[in-house]
Each structure stands twice: as C-alpha cells, then as structure tokens.
Amino acid sequence: MFRFMACLGLVLAVLALAQGEIQTKNKKFVDKDGRTMIYRGQNAVFKIAPWLPSSKGFDATSTLSRIDAKNLQRWGFNVIRLGVMWPGVEDGAEGAYSEDYLDEVDTIVKLLGEHDISIVLDLHQDLFSRDFCGEGVADYVVDTCKKYMPADLQPFPAPVRNASSLRMDENGNPALDWCLETPFFKFYMADEVGAMFQCLYDDRDGLWDSLGGFWQKVASRFSDSKNVLGYELINEPWLGDIYRDKSLLLPKQTESRYLQPMYEVTKSVCRSCLPPPPPPPLSH
C-alpha cells in the first residue's frame, strides 16, 4: 500500500490550501515566517473496498493507525498522500455520499496531525475503474459512459489482449489474477479505457459537475483541517480516446483541451469551500 513519494512537487494537480500556518509562494510551500517547507512522505492508497487503510491496530500492508503515525514521525516523514476514493465517498447512486467513509478519513487525518504529519488528499485512479483492472470513478460514472461508447469500440482488453481471454470474478469484474498477468499500465492502451476517459473529458451528462460534487463534499469536510496541504484532483489521467483522435498523442493536447478546463471547474468548487485567508499582519 505504501510507496515512497520523493517530492510533493512531482504530484500533479495539487490544489494548495492557505490555512494560515502553511502558504504557497513561488510554487513552494512556506511557513508563516516565509521559510520553505521540505516534505518527505509516503503514499497511503487503498485500491479495493473499503477504500481506506484501517485506523486501528497495526499491519504492514493494511493500516494507517496511531502506531503507523508514531513510526512515520520517528523515521522523519512529515507528509502522507492519502487516497480518498470516489467509490468510497459516493458509494451508491450519484449524490449518495458516505458520511461513515468520510468520518474514517477524518479520523486518519486527525491522528496524523497529532504527529505533525501533513496530508494531501488524492482522488486516486488507475485505469478508470475496477471494470478495467483498476480503480477510480464511482460506479454510476461507468454506467453513464457506457451509453456513449463508439460504435466501433474494441471491448476491453482489446487490442492489448484478446477480449475472449478475459476472466471474470464472482462480482463480474476482471479477475485480479488475470489482470496481473499483464503489466497494468499496458491496459491504458485498451480502446475501452481511452473511450471512458474521453467520456469524462467531454463532460457527458454533466460529469464535471459530478466530479465537482465529489470535491465539494471532500473540501467542505476538510476545509478547517490545519494539516491538509491540498488536493490532488485526479491521479494520472490518461490521454483520452487516442484511437479516434490521434492528435491526443501529441504533447500538451489533452492538457490544454480537456484537463485544464476540467481542473478550473473543479478548482473553483474547492476554493469556494475554503475559509477566508487570514488578514495581513499590521504594519508598524
């Protein structure tokens, strides 16, 4: 579950929060005295249900508890990128937000704060959803996008693998042992995966509002958390439908045409949830 994160500056689409103690200046985090903050941390992203590590006990692969927090602090780590997963927050129909899930996120955020560990909240995704050997969006987003699949679509996992080879588990998802037979990043080249991302980028049925609703819920919940540094709006988004629009393979095409506009919408939602910035110090 945990992987070394060398530098927060490498995390894409982080929306930094100005919470008084930590500000941003010249693309750096600085404290109230203007000193540059250096963060050393870990990822904590739980990619299957219940979508979060446990906050109780200790297990090297499945907890983020007080014991873990004490160890991390003792080892010199001071930041965690914590996966706050869309299917965990919105675990049913659109707008059906799970307060129990957010309560557990809040528990982890607070116990890490008690050990001087900051948080980046991360909408983590790999391969869009469990339907494609990964995780990411809520189930209703996949259902929405299925209505807009191109007529000539090659079903997952083609053309990476022959679709007839696909084995399913008892829940109707690709069996994880089958998924692991192929390096997972190769599945980004699957036609259906690209088409799903394109559906999101095209804002089908108002999906940007759905993404904004997720972040509004999360940002509202954690707007007063002093140890939340920022939000990663979506982890490692794919290029889009590269088989039907090969220009997306060129540099900066997906970023300028789709990601930046989508991020602007989502960023404004997050910013609207923040408390007002502290007043400037009085001059003498």
Foldseek 3Di string as FASTA:
>chain_A
DKDWDAFPLPQPQWDFDQQQQWDDDPNFIAGPVRHGDGFTAIEFFDWDPVGGADQDDDDPNGHLHLVVLVVCLVVPGAEYEYEPEACNQQVDDQPNGDVVSVVRVVVSLVSNVVSNHFYAYEQEWALCDQQQLIHGHHPVLVVLLVVVDDPPFDDPQPPLPHPVVFDADPVRHGDNVVCVVDDVNSSCPGQVSQSSLQCCQVCRPNVLVSLLVSLLVNLLSCQNRPRYGTYSSYGPRDQHRCVVPVCSVDPPPSVVRGVVVSSVSNSVSNVVNHDDRDDDDDDD
